[in-house]
Amino acid sequence: GRPAFEPGDLASAERKLNMSYAASPEHAEINFAQGNLQLARDRIGSAKNFYRTTLELDPHHAGAFNNLGVIALRENRFNLAAEFFQRALRYSPVDGKLYYPLAQAHLRAGDRLSAKSDIARALSVDPQRPEFRDLEQALR
């Protein structure tokens, strides 16, 4: 089902992922992909459940922590979002893309100092990302 995600064919992705899930419901990556599908379809409760199952199967799954952080940001639960992003960073510490939403969560929670530190780390990993530079400028 993952290749069907790329061109945005959610119906095809759903059919394929449902078949995969039926065959291997205890597979962390299938649960993660199901969570991504649910998130893409804006089925937030279902997405959360699949990400939680992913973490039960693989407690070090950075992608599941990241996506739970994305959902928490959408729900204006900024401190919870920051916790999820920090957990994702434990298992993928060189991913600059994880520092960026962490900075956003800290900023929206009112913690500008942490946000500045987070965006500096994001820029140290990937200095060419324009959205990282834009946030750095906004924090000045």
C-alpha atoms as a PDB file:
ATOM      1  CA  GLY A   1       0.000   0.000   0.000  1.00  0.00           C
ATOM      2  CA  ARG A   2       2.899   2.403   0.514  1.00  0.00           C
ATOM      3  CA  PRO A   3       3.596   2.936  -3.211  1.00  0.00           C
ATOM      4  CA  ALA A   4      -0.046   3.895  -3.689  1.00  0.00           C
ATOM      5  CA  PHE A   5       0.466   6.624  -1.073  1.00  0.00           C
ATOM      6  CA  GLU A   6       3.042   8.422  -3.161  1.00  0.00           C
ATOM      7  CA  PRO A   7       0.759   9.503  -6.013  1.00  0.00           C
ATOM      8  CA  GLY A   8      -2.041  10.147  -3.524  1.00  0.00           C
ATOM      9  CA  ASP A   9      -4.161   7.131  -4.470  1.00  0.00           C
ATOM     10  CA  LEU A  10      -5.635   6.639  -1.024  1.00  0.00           C
ATOM     11  CA  ALA A  11      -8.313   4.178  -2.160  1.00  0.00           C
ATOM     12  CA  SER A  12      -5.724   1.843  -3.653  1.00  0.00           C
ATOM     13  CA  ALA A  13      -3.456   2.312  -0.638  1.00  0.00           C
ATOM     14  CA  GLU A  14      -6.311   1.433   1.675  1.00  0.00           C
ATOM     15  CA  ARG A  15      -7.185  -1.764  -0.229  1.00  0.00           C
ATOM     16  CA  LYS A  16      -3.558  -2.918  -0.244  1.00  0.00           C
ATOM     17  CA  LEU A  17      -2.889  -1.996   3.371  1.00  0.00           C
ATOM     18  CA  ASN A  18      -6.059  -3.717   4.527  1.00  0.00           C
ATOM     19  CA  MET A  19      -4.896  -6.912   2.821  1.00  0.00           C
ATOM     20  CA  SER A  20      -1.455  -6.576   4.421  1.00  0.00           C
ATOM     21  CA  TYR A  21      -2.993  -5.860   7.796  1.00  0.00           C
ATOM     22  CA  ALA A  22      -5.299  -8.878   7.536  1.00  0.00           C
ATOM     23  CA  ALA A  23      -2.243 -11.068   6.883  1.00  0.00           C
ATOM     24  CA  SER A  24       0.039  -9.478   9.536  1.00  0.00           C
ATOM     25  CA  PRO A  25      -1.799  -7.393  12.138  1.00  0.00           C
ATOM     26  CA  GLU A  26       1.197  -7.667  14.480  1.00  0.00           C
ATOM     27  CA  HIS A  27       3.638  -6.019  12.061  1.00  0.00           C
ATOM     28  CA  ALA A  28       4.781  -2.583  13.287  1.00  0.00           C
ATOM     29  CA  GLU A  29       5.354  -1.100   9.820  1.00  0.00           C
ATOM     30  CA  ILE A  30       1.932  -2.182   8.579  1.00  0.00           C
ATOM     31  CA  ASN A  31       0.325  -0.558  11.614  1.00  0.00           C
ATOM     32  CA  PHE A  32       2.395   2.562  11.014  1.00  0.00           C
ATOM     33  CA  ALA A  33       1.323   2.685   7.370  1.00  0.00           C
ATOM     34  CA  GLN A  34      -2.294   2.194   8.444  1.00  0.00           C
ATOM     35  CA  GLY A  35      -1.878   5.116  10.844  1.00  0.00           C
ATOM     36  CA  ASN A  36      -0.505   7.242   8.013  1.00  0.00           C
ATOM     37  CA  LEU A  37      -3.472   6.316   5.837  1.00  0.00           C
ATOM     38  CA  GLN A  38      -5.903   7.207   8.605  1.00  0.00           C
ATOM     39  CA  LEU A  39      -4.093  10.506   9.168  1.00  0.00           C
ATOM     40  CA  ALA A  40      -4.244  11.270   5.433  1.00  0.00           C
ATOM     41  CA  ARG A  41      -7.982  10.580   5.548  1.00  0.00           C
ATOM     42  CA  ASP A  42      -8.291  12.835   8.631  1.00  0.00           C
ATOM     43  CA  ARG A  43      -9.452   9.937  10.808  1.00  0.00           C
ATOM     44  CA  ILE A  44      -7.469  11.149  13.792  1.00  0.00           C
ATOM     45  CA  GLY A  45      -8.740   8.723  16.436  1.00  0.00           C
ATOM     46  CA  SER A  46      -8.039   5.740  14.226  1.00  0.00           C
ATOM     47  CA  ALA A  47      -4.599   7.106  13.305  1.00  0.00           C
ATOM     48  CA  LYS A  48      -3.726   7.459  17.001  1.00  0.00           C
ATOM     49  CA  ASN A  49      -4.774   3.870  17.638  1.00  0.00           C
ATOM     50  CA  PHE A  50      -2.575   2.536  14.842  1.00  0.00           C
ATOM     51  CA  TYR A  51       0.392   4.608  16.027  1.00  0.00           C
ATOM     52  CA  ARG A  52      -0.088   3.371  19.593  1.00  0.00           C
ATOM     53  CA  THR A  53      -0.162  -0.204  18.319  1.00  0.00           C
ATOM     54  CA  THR A  54       2.985   0.522  16.314  1.00  0.00           C
ATOM     55  CA  LEU A  55       4.686   1.616  19.530  1.00  0.00           C
ATOM     56  CA  GLU A  56       3.481  -1.457  21.406  1.00  0.00           C
ATOM     57  CA  LEU A  57       5.092  -3.575  18.682  1.00  0.00           C
ATOM     58  CA  ASP A  58       8.185  -1.379  18.279  1.00  0.00           C
ATOM     59  CA  PRO A  59       8.743   0.970  21.256  1.00  0.00           C
ATOM     60  CA  HIS A  60      11.558   2.740  19.359  1.00  0.00           C
ATOM     61  CA  HIS A  61       9.539   3.707  16.275  1.00  0.00           C
ATOM     62  CA  ALA A  62      10.523   7.344  15.673  1.00  0.00           C
ATOM     63  CA  GLY A  63       7.925   7.794  12.929  1.00  0.00           C
ATOM     64  CA  ALA A  64       5.039   6.851  15.218  1.00  0.00           C
ATOM     65  CA  PHE A  65       6.241   9.260  17.918  1.00  0.00           C
ATOM     66  CA  ASN A  66       6.674  11.981  15.300  1.00  0.00           C
ATOM     67  CA  ASN A  67       3.193  11.518  13.877  1.00  0.00           C
ATOM     68  CA  LEU A  68       1.612  11.501  17.323  1.00  0.00           C
ATOM     69  CA  GLY A  69       3.450  14.795  17.841  1.00  0.00           C
ATOM     70  CA  VAL A  70       2.002  16.157  14.607  1.00  0.00           C
ATOM     71  CA  ILE A  71      -1.476  15.204  15.786  1.00  0.00           C
ATOM     72  CA  ALA A  72      -0.883  16.773  19.205  1.00  0.00           C
ATOM     73  CA  LEU A  73       0.231  20.005  17.484  1.00  0.00           C
ATOM     74  CA  ARG A  74      -2.988  20.003  15.443  1.00  0.00           C
ATOM     75  CA  GLU A  75      -4.933  19.580  18.682  1.00  0.00           C
ATOM     76  CA  ASN A  76      -3.069  22.511  20.294  1.00  0.00           C
ATOM     77  CA  ARG A  77      -1.555  20.167  22.884  1.00  0.00           C
ATOM     78  CA  PHE A  78       1.869  21.741  22.594  1.00  0.00           C
ATOM     79  CA  ASN A  79       3.589  20.223  25.627  1.00  0.00           C
ATOM     80  CA  LEU A  80       2.409  16.748  24.650  1.00  0.00           C
ATOM     81  CA  ALA A  81       3.582  17.374  21.079  1.00  0.00           C
ATOM     82  CA  ALA A  82       7.021  18.367  22.386  1.00  0.00           C
ATOM     83  CA  GLU A  83       7.182  15.143  24.428  1.00  0.00           C
ATOM     84  CA  PHE A  84       6.392  13.045  21.361  1.00  0.00           C
ATOM     85  CA  PHE A  85       8.972  14.863  19.211  1.00  0.00           C
ATOM     86  CA  GLN A  86      11.607  14.458  21.932  1.00  0.00           C
ATOM     87  CA  ARG A  87      10.885  10.736  22.060  1.00  0.00           C
ATOM     88  CA  ALA A  88      11.207  10.518  18.277  1.00  0.00           C
ATOM     89  CA  LEU A  89      14.573  12.257  18.540  1.00  0.00           C
ATOM     90  CA  ARG A  90      15.805   9.644  21.013  1.00  0.00           C
ATOM     91  CA  TYR A  91      15.539   7.069  18.247  1.00  0.00           C
ATOM     92  CA  SER A  92      16.473   9.291  15.300  1.00  0.00           C
ATOM     93  CA  PRO A  93      18.766  12.006  16.720  1.00  0.00           C
ATOM     94  CA  VAL A  94      20.258  13.172  13.429  1.00  0.00           C
ATOM     95  CA  ASP A  95      16.942  13.887  11.724  1.00  0.00           C
ATOM     96  CA  GLY A  96      16.787  17.671  11.425  1.00  0.00           C
ATOM     97  CA  LYS A  97      13.159  17.409  10.349  1.00  0.00           C
ATOM     98  CA  LEU A  98      12.293  16.320  13.897  1.00  0.00           C
ATOM     99  CA  TYR A  99      13.860  19.373  15.520  1.00  0.00           C
ATOM    100  CA  TYR A 100      11.705  21.710  13.448  1.00  0.00           C
ATOM    101  CA  PRO A 101       8.295  20.581  14.783  1.00  0.00           C
ATOM    102  CA  LEU A 102       9.832  20.355  18.253  1.00  0.00           C
ATOM    103  CA  ALA A 103      10.779  24.021  17.908  1.00  0.00           C
ATOM    104  CA  GLN A 104       7.246  24.818  16.763  1.00  0.00           C
ATOM    105  CA  ALA A 105       5.759  22.965  19.740  1.00  0.00           C
ATOM    106  CA  HIS A 106       8.038  24.756  22.191  1.00  0.00           C
ATOM    107  CA  LEU A 107       7.315  28.128  20.592  1.00  0.00           C
ATOM    108  CA  ARG A 108       3.564  27.582  20.657  1.00  0.00           C
ATOM    109  CA  ALA A 109       3.836  26.451  24.297  1.00  0.00           C
ATOM    110  CA  GLY A 110       5.560  29.767  25.070  1.00  0.00           C
ATOM    111  CA  ASP A 111       9.078  28.363  25.509  1.00  0.00           C
ATOM    112  CA  ARG A 112      11.077  30.582  23.128  1.00  0.00           C
ATOM    113  CA  LEU A 113      14.437  29.593  24.598  1.00  0.00           C
ATOM    114  CA  SER A 114      13.878  25.897  23.862  1.00  0.00           C
ATOM    115  CA  ALA A 115      12.474  26.762  20.440  1.00  0.00           C
ATOM    116  CA  LYS A 116      15.642  28.717  19.607  1.00  0.00           C
ATOM    117  CA  SER A 117      17.798  25.811  20.710  1.00  0.00           C
ATOM    118  CA  ASP A 118      15.715  23.336  18.711  1.00  0.00           C
ATOM    119  CA  ILE A 119      15.850  25.339  15.497  1.00  0.00           C
ATOM    120  CA  ALA A 120      19.597  25.849  15.907  1.00  0.00           C
ATOM    121  CA  ARG A 121      19.983  22.071  16.113  1.00  0.00           C
ATOM    122  CA  ALA A 122      17.768  21.619  13.063  1.00  0.00           C
ATOM    123  CA  LEU A 123      19.936  24.062  11.130  1.00  0.00           C
ATOM    124  CA  SER A 124      23.126  22.332  12.277  1.00  0.00           C
ATOM    125  CA  VAL A 125      21.840  19.102  10.726  1.00  0.00           C
ATOM    126  CA  ASP A 126      20.265  20.599   7.600  1.00  0.00           C
ATOM    127  CA  PRO A 127      21.240  24.265   7.060  1.00  0.00           C
ATOM    128  CA  GLN A 128      19.620  24.569   3.628  1.00  0.00           C
ATOM    129  CA  ARG A 129      15.978  24.083   4.638  1.00  0.00           C
ATOM    130  CA  PRO A 130      14.148  27.392   4.066  1.00  0.00           C
ATOM    131  CA  GLU A 131      11.462  26.664   6.663  1.00  0.00           C
ATOM    132  CA  PHE A 132      14.202  26.191   9.280  1.00  0.00           C
ATOM    133  CA  ARG A 133      15.712  29.564   8.358  1.00  0.00           C
ATOM    134  CA  ASP A 134      12.288  31.220   8.388  1.00  0.00           C
ATOM    135  CA  LEU A 135      11.590  29.991  11.914  1.00  0.00           C
ATOM    136  CA  GLU A 136      15.038  31.051  13.055  1.00  0.00           C
ATOM    137  CA  GLN A 137      14.347  34.553  11.691  1.00  0.00           C
ATOM    138  CA  ALA A 138      10.951  34.673  13.367  1.00  0.00           C
ATOM    139  CA  LEU A 139      12.537  33.779  16.702  1.00  0.00           C
ATOM    140  CA  ARG A 140      15.012  36.665  16.517  1.00  0.00           C
END
